[in-house]
């Protein structure tokens, strides 16, 4: 079995969910299912993952649980017998924000600079890099599926490739403006097409939507 991992920056994921809801009206109020997201990529990218992965790690800032529940369909970890192979890692620190600033970002900031303005935490980048380098240096990381759009991860991608690890960037939707420089240093780049988004989002509670 290949040592393939998913490292997903929770802030980047929620930012991309917001963009989907903003640009695709049929997704307004719908939450993303993290398990279905990982399952989608392992199924579609079988030539890279052989349909398997070791573990998917979602990195979220401490204190951001309320925001997470608004945009994600969190799994029931108390339910026995269901193999998930995912981990929600709470680390770093959530920065204080304001409603006025959030409104300014959503209305005034161009898409290509959105990631720079929606940074609401610190410490998670370091945690992700440390975990990736620890696995790679021990020969336990064959491919990293990385959901990130920040220039800060360019050095990590380069170093991982020196260790022999392949780096595959993943994005949630075509409405997200990808970081072209980050794409250039990765081994592959994939996105969920609009027609497949329904398979990873749950319906609005109480609706008849499928």
N, C-alpha and C. Protein backbone atom coordinates (compact mmCIF):
# COMPACT_ATOMS: atom_id res chain seq x y z
N UNK A 1 0.84 -1.20 0.00
CA UNK A 1 0.00 0.00 0.00
C UNK A 1 0.87 1.25 0.00
N UNK A 2 0.54 2.19 -0.86
CA UNK A 2 1.29 3.44 -0.92
C UNK A 2 1.01 4.29 0.31
N UNK A 3 2.04 5.00 0.76
CA UNK A 3 1.86 5.93 1.87
C UNK A 3 1.41 7.28 1.32
N UNK A 4 0.14 7.35 0.95
CA UNK A 4 -0.44 8.59 0.43
C UNK A 4 -1.24 9.27 1.53
N UNK A 5 -1.01 10.55 1.71
CA UNK A 5 -1.70 11.33 2.72
C UNK A 5 -2.42 12.52 2.09
N UNK A 6 -3.52 12.91 2.70
CA UNK A 6 -4.19 14.16 2.37
C UNK A 6 -3.93 15.14 3.51
N UNK A 7 -3.37 16.30 3.20
CA UNK A 7 -3.23 17.38 4.17
C UNK A 7 -4.11 18.53 3.67
N UNK A 8 -5.11 18.87 4.44
CA UNK A 8 -6.08 19.87 3.99
C UNK A 8 -6.11 21.02 5.00
N UNK A 9 -5.74 22.19 4.53
CA UNK A 9 -5.79 23.40 5.34
C UNK A 9 -7.25 23.77 5.55
N UNK A 10 -7.72 23.67 6.79
CA UNK A 10 -9.14 23.91 7.06
C UNK A 10 -9.60 25.30 6.68
N UNK A 11 -8.75 26.31 6.89
CA UNK A 11 -9.13 27.68 6.53
C UNK A 11 -9.27 27.82 5.02
N UNK A 12 -8.36 27.19 4.27
CA UNK A 12 -8.44 27.22 2.81
C UNK A 12 -9.69 26.49 2.34
N UNK A 13 -10.01 25.37 2.99
CA UNK A 13 -11.20 24.60 2.61
C UNK A 13 -12.47 25.41 2.83
N UNK A 14 -12.60 26.02 4.00
CA UNK A 14 -13.81 26.81 4.28
C UNK A 14 -13.90 28.01 3.35
N UNK A 15 -12.76 28.62 3.05
CA UNK A 15 -12.75 29.73 2.10
C UNK A 15 -13.27 29.28 0.73
N UNK A 16 -12.88 28.08 0.31
CA UNK A 16 -13.32 27.57 -0.98
C UNK A 16 -14.80 27.17 -0.96
N UNK A 17 -15.27 26.65 0.18
CA UNK A 17 -16.70 26.35 0.31
C UNK A 17 -17.51 27.64 0.19
N UNK A 18 -17.03 28.69 0.82
CA UNK A 18 -17.71 29.99 0.71
C UNK A 18 -17.80 30.46 -0.72
N UNK A 19 -16.70 30.29 -1.47
CA UNK A 19 -16.69 30.71 -2.87
C UNK A 19 -17.69 29.91 -3.70
N UNK A 20 -17.79 28.61 -3.41
CA UNK A 20 -18.76 27.78 -4.11
C UNK A 20 -20.17 28.27 -3.81
N UNK A 21 -20.46 28.54 -2.54
CA UNK A 21 -21.79 29.01 -2.17
C UNK A 21 -22.10 30.38 -2.78
N UNK A 22 -21.07 31.21 -2.90
CA UNK A 22 -21.25 32.56 -3.44
C UNK A 22 -21.48 32.55 -4.94
N UNK A 23 -20.77 31.68 -5.65
CA UNK A 23 -20.80 31.69 -7.12
C UNK A 23 -21.80 30.69 -7.72
N UNK A 24 -22.14 29.66 -6.96
CA UNK A 24 -23.07 28.65 -7.45
C UNK A 24 -24.28 28.63 -6.51
N UNK A 25 -25.34 29.31 -6.92
CA UNK A 25 -26.47 29.57 -6.03
C UNK A 25 -27.13 28.31 -5.50
N UNK A 26 -27.07 27.22 -6.26
CA UNK A 26 -27.72 25.99 -5.81
C UNK A 26 -27.01 25.37 -4.59
N UNK A 27 -25.82 25.90 -4.24
CA UNK A 27 -25.07 25.37 -3.10
C UNK A 27 -25.17 26.26 -1.87
N UNK A 28 -25.94 27.31 -1.95
CA UNK A 28 -26.10 28.20 -0.81
C UNK A 28 -26.71 27.46 0.37
N UNK A 29 -26.04 27.53 1.52
CA UNK A 29 -26.53 26.88 2.73
C UNK A 29 -26.17 25.40 2.85
N UNK A 30 -25.54 24.84 1.83
CA UNK A 30 -25.17 23.42 1.88
C UNK A 30 -23.79 23.25 2.50
N UNK A 31 -23.60 22.15 3.22
CA UNK A 31 -22.33 21.86 3.87
C UNK A 31 -21.58 20.77 3.11
N UNK A 32 -20.25 20.88 3.16
CA UNK A 32 -19.40 19.89 2.50
C UNK A 32 -19.13 18.73 3.45
N UNK A 33 -19.13 17.52 2.91
CA UNK A 33 -18.82 16.32 3.69
C UNK A 33 -17.34 15.98 3.48
N UNK A 34 -16.49 16.13 4.50
CA UNK A 34 -15.05 15.89 4.33
C UNK A 34 -14.72 14.46 3.89
N UNK A 35 -15.47 13.48 4.38
CA UNK A 35 -15.22 12.08 4.00
C UNK A 35 -15.50 11.89 2.52
N UNK A 36 -16.59 12.46 2.03
CA UNK A 36 -16.92 12.33 0.61
C UNK A 36 -15.93 13.07 -0.27
N UNK A 37 -15.37 14.17 0.24
CA UNK A 37 -14.36 14.91 -0.51
C UNK A 37 -13.13 14.03 -0.75
N UNK A 38 -12.63 13.40 0.29
CA UNK A 38 -11.45 12.53 0.17
C UNK A 38 -11.77 11.32 -0.70
N UNK A 39 -12.95 10.75 -0.51
CA UNK A 39 -13.36 9.59 -1.29
C UNK A 39 -13.44 9.94 -2.78
N UNK A 40 -13.91 11.15 -3.08
CA UNK A 40 -14.00 11.58 -4.48
C UNK A 40 -12.61 11.57 -5.13
N UNK A 41 -11.64 12.21 -4.48
CA UNK A 41 -10.31 12.31 -5.09
C UNK A 41 -9.61 10.96 -5.19
N UNK A 42 -9.78 10.09 -4.21
CA UNK A 42 -9.14 8.78 -4.30
C UNK A 42 -9.77 7.93 -5.40
N UNK A 43 -11.04 8.18 -5.68
CA UNK A 43 -11.73 7.44 -6.74
C UNK A 43 -11.34 7.97 -8.12
N UNK A 44 -11.34 9.28 -8.27
CA UNK A 44 -11.06 9.90 -9.58
C UNK A 44 -9.58 9.82 -9.93
N UNK A 45 -8.72 9.95 -8.94
CA UNK A 45 -7.29 9.95 -9.19
C UNK A 45 -6.66 8.60 -8.87
N UNK A 46 -7.27 7.55 -9.35
CA UNK A 46 -6.80 6.20 -9.03
C UNK A 46 -5.38 5.95 -9.56
N UNK A 47 -5.01 6.61 -10.65
CA UNK A 47 -3.67 6.40 -11.19
C UNK A 47 -2.60 6.98 -10.26
N UNK A 48 -3.02 7.88 -9.37
CA UNK A 48 -2.08 8.46 -8.41
C UNK A 48 -2.18 7.80 -7.04
N UNK A 49 -3.37 7.33 -6.69
CA UNK A 49 -3.59 6.83 -5.33
C UNK A 49 -3.87 5.35 -5.25
N UNK A 50 -4.07 4.71 -6.41
CA UNK A 50 -4.49 3.30 -6.45
C UNK A 50 -5.79 3.10 -5.66
N UNK A 51 -6.56 4.18 -5.54
CA UNK A 51 -7.83 4.11 -4.84
C UNK A 51 -7.70 4.02 -3.33
N UNK A 52 -6.48 4.23 -2.81
CA UNK A 52 -6.25 4.10 -1.38
C UNK A 52 -5.48 5.31 -0.84
N UNK A 53 -5.54 5.48 0.46
CA UNK A 53 -4.74 6.49 1.12
C UNK A 53 -4.51 6.06 2.56
N UNK A 54 -3.45 6.57 3.14
CA UNK A 54 -3.12 6.19 4.51
C UNK A 54 -3.99 6.95 5.50
N UNK A 55 -4.03 8.25 5.36
CA UNK A 55 -4.85 9.05 6.25
C UNK A 55 -5.05 10.44 5.66
N UNK A 56 -6.20 11.04 5.95
CA UNK A 56 -6.48 12.42 5.58
C UNK A 56 -6.51 13.26 6.85
N UNK A 57 -5.73 14.33 6.88
CA UNK A 57 -5.66 15.19 8.05
C UNK A 57 -6.20 16.58 7.68
N UNK A 58 -7.20 17.00 8.43
CA UNK A 58 -7.79 18.34 8.26
C UNK A 58 -7.26 19.21 9.40
N UNK A 59 -6.60 20.30 9.05
CA UNK A 59 -5.99 21.19 10.04
C UNK A 59 -6.87 22.41 10.28
N UNK A 60 -7.32 22.58 11.53
CA UNK A 60 -8.18 23.70 11.88
C UNK A 60 -7.59 24.44 13.08
N UNK A 61 -7.85 25.75 13.15
CA UNK A 61 -7.36 26.51 14.31
C UNK A 61 -8.20 26.21 15.55
N UNK A 62 -7.56 26.23 16.70
CA UNK A 62 -8.29 26.08 17.95
C UNK A 62 -9.27 27.25 18.10
N UNK A 63 -10.46 26.95 18.55
CA UNK A 63 -11.45 28.00 18.74
C UNK A 63 -12.32 28.26 17.52
N UNK A 64 -12.11 27.50 16.44
CA UNK A 64 -12.90 27.73 15.23
C UNK A 64 -14.00 26.72 15.01
N UNK A 65 -14.38 25.99 16.06
CA UNK A 65 -15.34 24.91 15.91
C UNK A 65 -16.70 25.38 15.39
N UNK A 66 -17.16 26.53 15.85
CA UNK A 66 -18.48 27.04 15.43
C UNK A 66 -18.51 27.30 13.93
N UNK A 67 -17.44 27.89 13.40
CA UNK A 67 -17.35 28.17 11.98
C UNK A 67 -17.30 26.87 11.18
N UNK A 68 -16.59 25.88 11.70
CA UNK A 68 -16.47 24.59 11.02
C UNK A 68 -17.84 23.95 10.85
N UNK A 69 -18.64 23.96 11.91
CA UNK A 69 -19.96 23.34 11.86
C UNK A 69 -20.89 24.04 10.87
N UNK A 70 -20.63 25.30 10.59
CA UNK A 70 -21.46 26.06 9.66
C UNK A 70 -21.23 25.62 8.22
N UNK A 71 -20.01 25.20 7.90
CA UNK A 71 -19.67 24.90 6.51
C UNK A 71 -19.39 23.43 6.23
N UNK A 72 -19.15 22.62 7.27
CA UNK A 72 -18.80 21.22 7.06
C UNK A 72 -19.77 20.29 7.76
N UNK A 73 -20.01 19.15 7.15
CA UNK A 73 -20.82 18.09 7.75
C UNK A 73 -19.86 17.18 8.50
N UNK A 74 -19.71 17.43 9.78
CA UNK A 74 -18.72 16.70 10.56
C UNK A 74 -19.18 15.26 10.81
N UNK A 75 -18.27 14.29 10.68
CA UNK A 75 -18.64 12.89 10.90
C UNK A 75 -18.93 12.60 12.36
N UNK A 76 -19.72 11.58 12.59
CA UNK A 76 -20.03 11.14 13.95
C UNK A 76 -18.98 10.12 14.38
N UNK A 77 -18.01 10.57 15.14
CA UNK A 77 -16.91 9.69 15.54
C UNK A 77 -17.34 8.68 16.61
N UNK A 78 -18.54 8.86 17.16
CA UNK A 78 -19.02 7.94 18.17
C UNK A 78 -19.69 6.71 17.55
N UNK A 79 -19.91 6.76 16.24
CA UNK A 79 -20.57 5.64 15.56
C UNK A 79 -19.56 4.52 15.31
N UNK A 80 -19.77 3.32 15.83
CA UNK A 80 -18.78 2.23 15.68
C UNK A 80 -18.82 1.59 14.29
N UNK A 81 -17.71 0.99 13.93
CA UNK A 81 -17.67 0.14 12.74
C UNK A 81 -17.45 0.85 11.43
N UNK A 82 -17.29 2.17 11.43
CA UNK A 82 -17.11 2.91 10.18
C UNK A 82 -15.66 3.34 10.04
N UNK A 83 -15.00 2.85 9.01
CA UNK A 83 -13.59 3.19 8.78
C UNK A 83 -13.52 4.51 8.03
N UNK A 84 -12.89 5.50 8.64
CA UNK A 84 -12.81 6.82 8.02
C UNK A 84 -11.39 7.16 7.59
N UNK A 85 -10.41 6.79 8.42
CA UNK A 85 -9.01 7.11 8.16
C UNK A 85 -8.81 8.61 7.96
N UNK A 86 -9.50 9.40 8.78
CA UNK A 86 -9.33 10.84 8.74
C UNK A 86 -9.10 11.34 10.16
N UNK A 87 -8.46 12.50 10.22
CA UNK A 87 -8.17 13.09 11.52
C UNK A 87 -8.38 14.59 11.43
N UNK A 88 -9.10 15.14 12.40
CA UNK A 88 -9.28 16.59 12.47
C UNK A 88 -8.34 17.12 13.55
N UNK A 89 -7.32 17.82 13.10
CA UNK A 89 -6.27 18.28 14.00
C UNK A 89 -6.47 19.77 14.31
N UNK A 90 -6.67 20.06 15.58
CA UNK A 90 -6.87 21.44 16.02
C UNK A 90 -5.56 21.96 16.59
N UNK A 91 -5.02 22.97 15.95
CA UNK A 91 -3.71 23.49 16.32
C UNK A 91 -3.66 24.97 16.00
N UNK A 92 -2.55 25.58 16.31
CA UNK A 92 -2.42 27.00 16.01
C UNK A 92 -3.38 27.83 16.84
N UNK A 93 -3.75 28.97 16.29
CA UNK A 93 -4.59 29.91 17.01
C UNK A 93 -5.46 30.68 16.02
N UNK A 94 -6.72 30.83 16.35
CA UNK A 94 -7.63 31.60 15.51
C UNK A 94 -7.50 33.08 15.84
N UNK A 95 -7.32 33.90 14.81
CA UNK A 95 -7.19 35.33 15.02
C UNK A 95 -8.57 35.99 15.12
N UNK A 96 -8.64 37.04 15.92
CA UNK A 96 -9.91 37.74 16.06
C UNK A 96 -10.26 38.48 14.78
N UNK A 97 -11.53 38.46 14.43
CA UNK A 97 -12.00 39.15 13.23
C UNK A 97 -13.16 40.06 13.57
N UNK A 98 -13.73 40.68 12.55
CA UNK A 98 -14.88 41.55 12.75
C UNK A 98 -15.83 41.39 11.59
N UNK A 99 -17.10 41.67 11.83
CA UNK A 99 -18.11 41.56 10.78
C UNK A 99 -17.83 42.56 9.67
N UNK A 100 -17.37 43.75 10.04
CA UNK A 100 -17.07 44.78 9.03
C UNK A 100 -15.96 44.34 8.09
N UNK A 101 -14.92 43.71 8.67
CA UNK A 101 -13.81 43.24 7.84
C UNK A 101 -14.27 42.12 6.91
N UNK A 102 -15.05 41.17 7.45
CA UNK A 102 -15.55 40.06 6.63
C UNK A 102 -16.40 40.58 5.47
N UNK A 103 -17.20 41.61 5.72
CA UNK A 103 -18.05 42.18 4.66
C UNK A 103 -17.19 42.85 3.60
N UNK A 104 -16.13 43.55 4.04
CA UNK A 104 -15.22 44.18 3.10
C UNK A 104 -14.55 43.15 2.20
N UNK A 105 -14.08 42.05 2.80
CA UNK A 105 -13.40 41.00 2.04
C UNK A 105 -14.33 40.38 1.01
N UNK A 106 -15.57 40.07 1.41
CA UNK A 106 -16.50 39.38 0.51
C UNK A 106 -16.94 40.25 -0.65
N UNK A 107 -16.98 41.58 -0.46
CA UNK A 107 -17.51 42.46 -1.49
C UNK A 107 -16.45 43.20 -2.30
N UNK A 108 -15.30 43.47 -1.69
CA UNK A 108 -14.32 44.35 -2.33
C UNK A 108 -13.07 43.65 -2.85
N UNK A 109 -12.69 42.52 -2.26
CA UNK A 109 -11.41 41.91 -2.61
C UNK A 109 -11.55 41.02 -3.85
N UNK A 110 -10.70 41.23 -4.88
CA UNK A 110 -10.73 40.37 -6.07
C UNK A 110 -10.40 38.92 -5.70
N UNK A 111 -10.93 37.99 -6.48
CA UNK A 111 -10.73 36.56 -6.20
C UNK A 111 -9.26 36.19 -6.09
N UNK A 112 -8.42 36.74 -6.97
CA UNK A 112 -7.02 36.32 -7.01
C UNK A 112 -6.25 36.68 -5.75
N UNK A 113 -6.80 37.63 -4.95
CA UNK A 113 -6.14 38.02 -3.70
C UNK A 113 -6.92 37.57 -2.48
N UNK A 114 -7.97 36.79 -2.69
CA UNK A 114 -8.86 36.45 -1.57
C UNK A 114 -8.14 35.68 -0.47
N UNK A 115 -7.28 34.72 -0.85
CA UNK A 115 -6.58 33.92 0.15
C UNK A 115 -5.71 34.76 1.08
N UNK A 116 -5.17 35.86 0.55
CA UNK A 116 -4.32 36.71 1.36
C UNK A 116 -5.13 37.45 2.44
N UNK A 117 -6.40 37.71 2.13
CA UNK A 117 -7.24 38.47 3.05
C UNK A 117 -8.01 37.60 4.02
N UNK A 118 -8.20 36.33 3.68
CA UNK A 118 -9.03 35.48 4.51
C UNK A 118 -8.21 34.67 5.52
N UNK A 119 -6.96 35.04 5.71
CA UNK A 119 -6.12 34.36 6.69
C UNK A 119 -6.64 34.68 8.09
N UNK A 120 -7.20 33.70 8.77
CA UNK A 120 -7.83 33.96 10.06
C UNK A 120 -7.16 33.15 11.18
N UNK A 121 -5.97 32.60 10.89
CA UNK A 121 -5.29 31.79 11.89
C UNK A 121 -3.78 31.87 11.71
N UNK A 122 -3.08 31.46 12.74
CA UNK A 122 -1.62 31.37 12.64
C UNK A 122 -1.17 30.08 13.30
N UNK A 123 -0.08 29.53 12.81
CA UNK A 123 0.47 28.31 13.39
C UNK A 123 0.13 27.05 12.63
N UNK A 124 -0.92 27.07 11.83
CA UNK A 124 -1.33 25.86 11.13
C UNK A 124 -0.34 25.52 10.01
N UNK A 125 0.14 26.54 9.30
CA UNK A 125 1.11 26.30 8.22
C UNK A 125 2.33 25.55 8.74
N UNK A 126 2.85 25.98 9.89
CA UNK A 126 4.03 25.34 10.49
C UNK A 126 3.72 23.90 10.86
N UNK A 127 2.53 23.67 11.43
CA UNK A 127 2.14 22.32 11.82
C UNK A 127 2.08 21.39 10.61
N UNK A 128 1.49 21.87 9.52
CA UNK A 128 1.38 21.06 8.31
C UNK A 128 2.77 20.74 7.75
N UNK A 129 3.63 21.74 7.71
CA UNK A 129 4.98 21.53 7.16
C UNK A 129 5.78 20.55 8.03
N UNK A 130 5.68 20.70 9.34
CA UNK A 130 6.41 19.79 10.24
C UNK A 130 5.94 18.35 10.07
N UNK A 131 4.63 18.15 9.98
CA UNK A 131 4.10 16.80 9.81
C UNK A 131 4.57 16.20 8.49
N UNK A 132 4.51 16.98 7.41
CA UNK A 132 4.91 16.48 6.10
C UNK A 132 6.39 16.12 6.07
N UNK A 133 7.23 16.97 6.63
CA UNK A 133 8.67 16.72 6.62
C UNK A 133 9.03 15.53 7.51
N UNK A 134 8.31 15.36 8.61
CA UNK A 134 8.57 14.22 9.49
C UNK A 134 8.27 12.91 8.78
N UNK A 135 7.13 12.83 8.08
CA UNK A 135 6.79 11.62 7.35
C UNK A 135 7.76 11.38 6.19
N UNK A 136 8.08 12.44 5.45
CA UNK A 136 8.95 12.29 4.28
C UNK A 136 10.36 11.87 4.67
N UNK A 137 10.89 12.45 5.74
CA UNK A 137 12.25 12.13 6.16
C UNK A 137 12.36 10.70 6.67
N UNK A 138 11.23 10.14 7.13
CA UNK A 138 11.21 8.75 7.60
C UNK A 138 10.84 7.77 6.48
N UNK A 139 10.69 8.29 5.25
CA UNK A 139 10.33 7.43 4.13
C UNK A 139 8.90 6.93 4.18
N UNK A 140 8.03 7.68 4.84
CA UNK A 140 6.65 7.24 5.03
C UNK A 140 5.65 8.09 4.25
N UNK A 141 6.13 8.85 3.26
CA UNK A 141 5.24 9.72 2.50
C UNK A 141 5.56 9.60 1.01
N UNK A 142 4.74 8.79 0.31
CA UNK A 142 4.95 8.62 -1.13
C UNK A 142 4.34 9.77 -1.93
N UNK A 143 3.12 10.13 -1.58
CA UNK A 143 2.46 11.25 -2.27
C UNK A 143 1.64 12.05 -1.27
N UNK A 144 1.75 13.36 -1.36
CA UNK A 144 0.95 14.25 -0.52
C UNK A 144 -0.08 14.95 -1.38
N UNK A 145 -1.36 14.70 -1.09
CA UNK A 145 -2.44 15.45 -1.71
C UNK A 145 -2.68 16.67 -0.83
N UNK A 146 -2.41 17.83 -1.35
CA UNK A 146 -2.38 19.05 -0.55
C UNK A 146 -3.45 20.04 -1.02
N UNK A 147 -4.35 20.43 -0.11
CA UNK A 147 -5.30 21.50 -0.42
C UNK A 147 -4.77 22.77 0.23
N UNK A 148 -4.21 23.61 -0.59
CA UNK A 148 -3.59 24.84 -0.12
C UNK A 148 -3.45 25.77 -1.32
N UNK A 149 -3.39 27.08 -1.07
CA UNK A 149 -3.26 28.03 -2.17
C UNK A 149 -2.31 29.15 -1.80
N UNK A 150 -1.43 28.88 -0.85
CA UNK A 150 -0.56 29.90 -0.28
C UNK A 150 0.87 29.73 -0.78
N UNK A 151 1.50 30.85 -1.16
CA UNK A 151 2.90 30.83 -1.60
C UNK A 151 3.84 30.26 -0.54
N UNK A 152 3.44 30.34 0.72
CA UNK A 152 4.31 29.86 1.79
C UNK A 152 4.62 28.37 1.66
N UNK A 153 3.82 27.64 0.89
CA UNK A 153 4.02 26.20 0.76
C UNK A 153 4.91 25.82 -0.42
N UNK A 154 5.38 26.80 -1.16
CA UNK A 154 6.28 26.51 -2.28
C UNK A 154 7.57 25.85 -1.81
N UNK A 155 8.26 26.37 -0.77
CA UNK A 155 9.47 25.69 -0.29
C UNK A 155 9.20 24.27 0.18
N UNK A 156 8.06 24.05 0.84
CA UNK A 156 7.73 22.70 1.29
C UNK A 156 7.62 21.74 0.11
N UNK A 157 6.92 22.16 -0.92
CA UNK A 157 6.76 21.29 -2.10
C UNK A 157 8.11 20.92 -2.71
N UNK A 158 9.01 21.89 -2.78
CA UNK A 158 10.34 21.64 -3.36
C UNK A 158 11.13 20.65 -2.51
N UNK A 159 11.09 20.82 -1.19
CA UNK A 159 11.84 19.95 -0.31
C UNK A 159 11.27 18.53 -0.32
N UNK A 160 9.94 18.42 -0.33
CA UNK A 160 9.31 17.10 -0.36
C UNK A 160 9.72 16.34 -1.62
N UNK A 161 9.83 17.03 -2.74
CA UNK A 161 10.24 16.38 -3.98
C UNK A 161 11.68 15.89 -3.89
N UNK A 162 12.53 16.62 -3.14
CA UNK A 162 13.90 16.17 -2.94
C UNK A 162 13.95 14.88 -2.12
N UNK A 163 12.97 14.70 -1.23
CA UNK A 163 12.86 13.47 -0.44
C UNK A 163 12.27 12.31 -1.26
N UNK A 164 11.81 12.62 -2.48
CA UNK A 164 11.19 11.58 -3.31
C UNK A 164 9.69 11.52 -3.19
N UNK A 165 9.10 12.47 -2.49
CA UNK A 165 7.64 12.53 -2.32
C UNK A 165 7.02 13.30 -3.48
N UNK A 166 5.94 12.78 -4.04
CA UNK A 166 5.19 13.50 -5.05
C UNK A 166 4.14 14.39 -4.37
N UNK A 167 3.92 15.56 -4.95
CA UNK A 167 2.98 16.53 -4.39
C UNK A 167 1.88 16.80 -5.39
N UNK A 168 0.63 16.56 -4.98
CA UNK A 168 -0.53 16.79 -5.84
C UNK A 168 -1.45 17.82 -5.19
N UNK A 169 -1.62 18.96 -5.86
CA UNK A 169 -2.53 19.98 -5.35
C UNK A 169 -3.97 19.63 -5.71
N UNK A 170 -4.88 19.86 -4.77
CA UNK A 170 -6.29 19.64 -5.05
C UNK A 170 -7.07 20.89 -4.66
N UNK A 171 -8.07 21.19 -5.47
CA UNK A 171 -8.94 22.33 -5.22
C UNK A 171 -10.39 21.87 -5.26
N UNK A 172 -11.23 22.63 -4.58
CA UNK A 172 -12.62 22.23 -4.44
C UNK A 172 -13.45 22.53 -5.68
N UNK A 173 -13.14 23.60 -6.38
CA UNK A 173 -14.01 24.00 -7.48
C UNK A 173 -13.26 24.85 -8.50
N UNK A 174 -13.79 24.89 -9.70
CA UNK A 174 -13.22 25.72 -10.76
C UNK A 174 -13.45 27.20 -10.52
N UNK A 175 -14.31 27.56 -9.58
CA UNK A 175 -14.54 28.98 -9.28
C UNK A 175 -13.40 29.55 -8.43
N UNK A 176 -12.52 28.69 -7.92
CA UNK A 176 -11.38 29.13 -7.13
C UNK A 176 -10.24 29.52 -8.07
N UNK A 177 -9.64 30.67 -7.83
CA UNK A 177 -8.48 31.08 -8.62
C UNK A 177 -7.23 30.40 -8.07
N UNK A 178 -6.63 29.46 -8.80
CA UNK A 178 -5.48 28.71 -8.27
C UNK A 178 -4.21 29.55 -8.26
N UNK A 179 -3.32 29.20 -7.36
CA UNK A 179 -2.01 29.84 -7.27
C UNK A 179 -1.11 29.23 -8.35
N UNK A 180 -0.83 29.99 -9.40
CA UNK A 180 -0.09 29.45 -10.55
C UNK A 180 1.34 29.07 -10.18
N UNK A 181 1.97 29.82 -9.28
CA UNK A 181 3.34 29.49 -8.88
C UNK A 181 3.38 28.19 -8.10
N UNK A 182 2.39 28.00 -7.23
CA UNK A 182 2.32 26.77 -6.45
C UNK A 182 2.07 25.57 -7.36
N UNK A 183 1.23 25.76 -8.38
CA UNK A 183 0.95 24.69 -9.33
C UNK A 183 2.22 24.26 -10.06
N UNK A 184 3.07 25.22 -10.39
CA UNK A 184 4.29 24.93 -11.15
C UNK A 184 5.25 24.03 -10.38
N UNK A 185 5.29 24.13 -9.05
CA UNK A 185 6.24 23.32 -8.28
C UNK A 185 5.63 21.98 -7.84
N UNK A 186 4.32 21.80 -8.08
CA UNK A 186 3.66 20.54 -7.73
C UNK A 186 3.78 19.56 -8.89
N UNK A 187 3.48 18.28 -8.61
CA UNK A 187 3.54 17.25 -9.65
C UNK A 187 2.25 17.12 -10.42
N UNK A 188 1.14 17.51 -9.79
CA UNK A 188 -0.14 17.46 -10.49
C UNK A 188 -1.09 18.44 -9.81
N UNK A 189 -2.18 18.73 -10.51
CA UNK A 189 -3.14 19.72 -10.03
C UNK A 189 -4.53 19.27 -10.50
N UNK A 190 -5.45 19.13 -9.55
CA UNK A 190 -6.79 18.65 -9.90
C UNK A 190 -7.85 19.44 -9.15
N UNK A 191 -9.04 19.47 -9.73
CA UNK A 191 -10.15 20.24 -9.18
C UNK A 191 -11.43 19.45 -9.37
N UNK A 192 -12.40 19.66 -8.49
CA UNK A 192 -13.70 18.99 -8.62
C UNK A 192 -14.53 19.76 -9.64
N UNK A 193 -14.92 19.15 -10.76
CA UNK A 193 -15.78 19.84 -11.73
C UNK A 193 -17.14 20.16 -11.12
N UNK A 194 -17.77 21.20 -11.63
CA UNK A 194 -19.05 21.64 -11.07
C UNK A 194 -20.09 20.52 -11.07
N UNK A 195 -20.09 19.69 -12.12
CA UNK A 195 -21.10 18.64 -12.21
C UNK A 195 -20.93 17.55 -11.16
N UNK A 196 -19.76 17.52 -10.49
CA UNK A 196 -19.52 16.50 -9.47
C UNK A 196 -19.61 17.03 -8.04
N UNK A 197 -19.85 18.33 -7.89
CA UNK A 197 -19.90 18.91 -6.56
C UNK A 197 -21.06 18.36 -5.73
N UNK A 198 -22.15 18.00 -6.39
CA UNK A 198 -23.30 17.46 -5.65
C UNK A 198 -22.95 16.23 -4.85
N UNK A 199 -21.97 15.48 -5.31
CA UNK A 199 -21.62 14.22 -4.66
C UNK A 199 -20.86 14.42 -3.35
N UNK A 200 -20.38 15.63 -3.08
CA UNK A 200 -19.61 15.86 -1.86
C UNK A 200 -20.25 16.90 -0.94
N UNK A 201 -21.38 17.46 -1.35
CA UNK A 201 -22.12 18.39 -0.50
C UNK A 201 -23.42 17.73 -0.05
N UNK A 202 -23.79 17.96 1.21
CA UNK A 202 -25.05 17.41 1.70
C UNK A 202 -26.16 18.42 1.42
N UNK A 203 -27.42 17.94 1.27
CA UNK A 203 -28.53 18.85 1.00
C UNK A 203 -28.78 19.79 2.18
N UNK A 204 -29.43 20.90 1.89
CA UNK A 204 -29.85 21.82 2.95
C UNK A 204 -30.83 21.08 3.86
N UNK A 205 -30.65 21.14 5.18
CA UNK A 205 -31.57 20.44 6.09
C UNK A 205 -33.03 20.78 5.82
N UNK A 206 -33.85 19.73 5.71
CA UNK A 206 -35.27 19.93 5.48
C UNK A 206 -35.68 20.04 4.02
N UNK A 207 -34.67 20.07 3.11
CA UNK A 207 -35.00 20.20 1.70
C UNK A 207 -35.15 18.82 1.08
N UNK A 208 -35.66 18.79 -0.13
CA UNK A 208 -35.81 17.54 -0.89
C UNK A 208 -34.69 17.39 -1.93
N UNK A 209 -33.70 18.26 -1.83
CA UNK A 209 -32.59 18.25 -2.78
C UNK A 209 -31.73 17.02 -2.61
N UNK A 210 -31.26 16.46 -3.72
CA UNK A 210 -30.40 15.28 -3.70
C UNK A 210 -29.04 15.60 -4.28
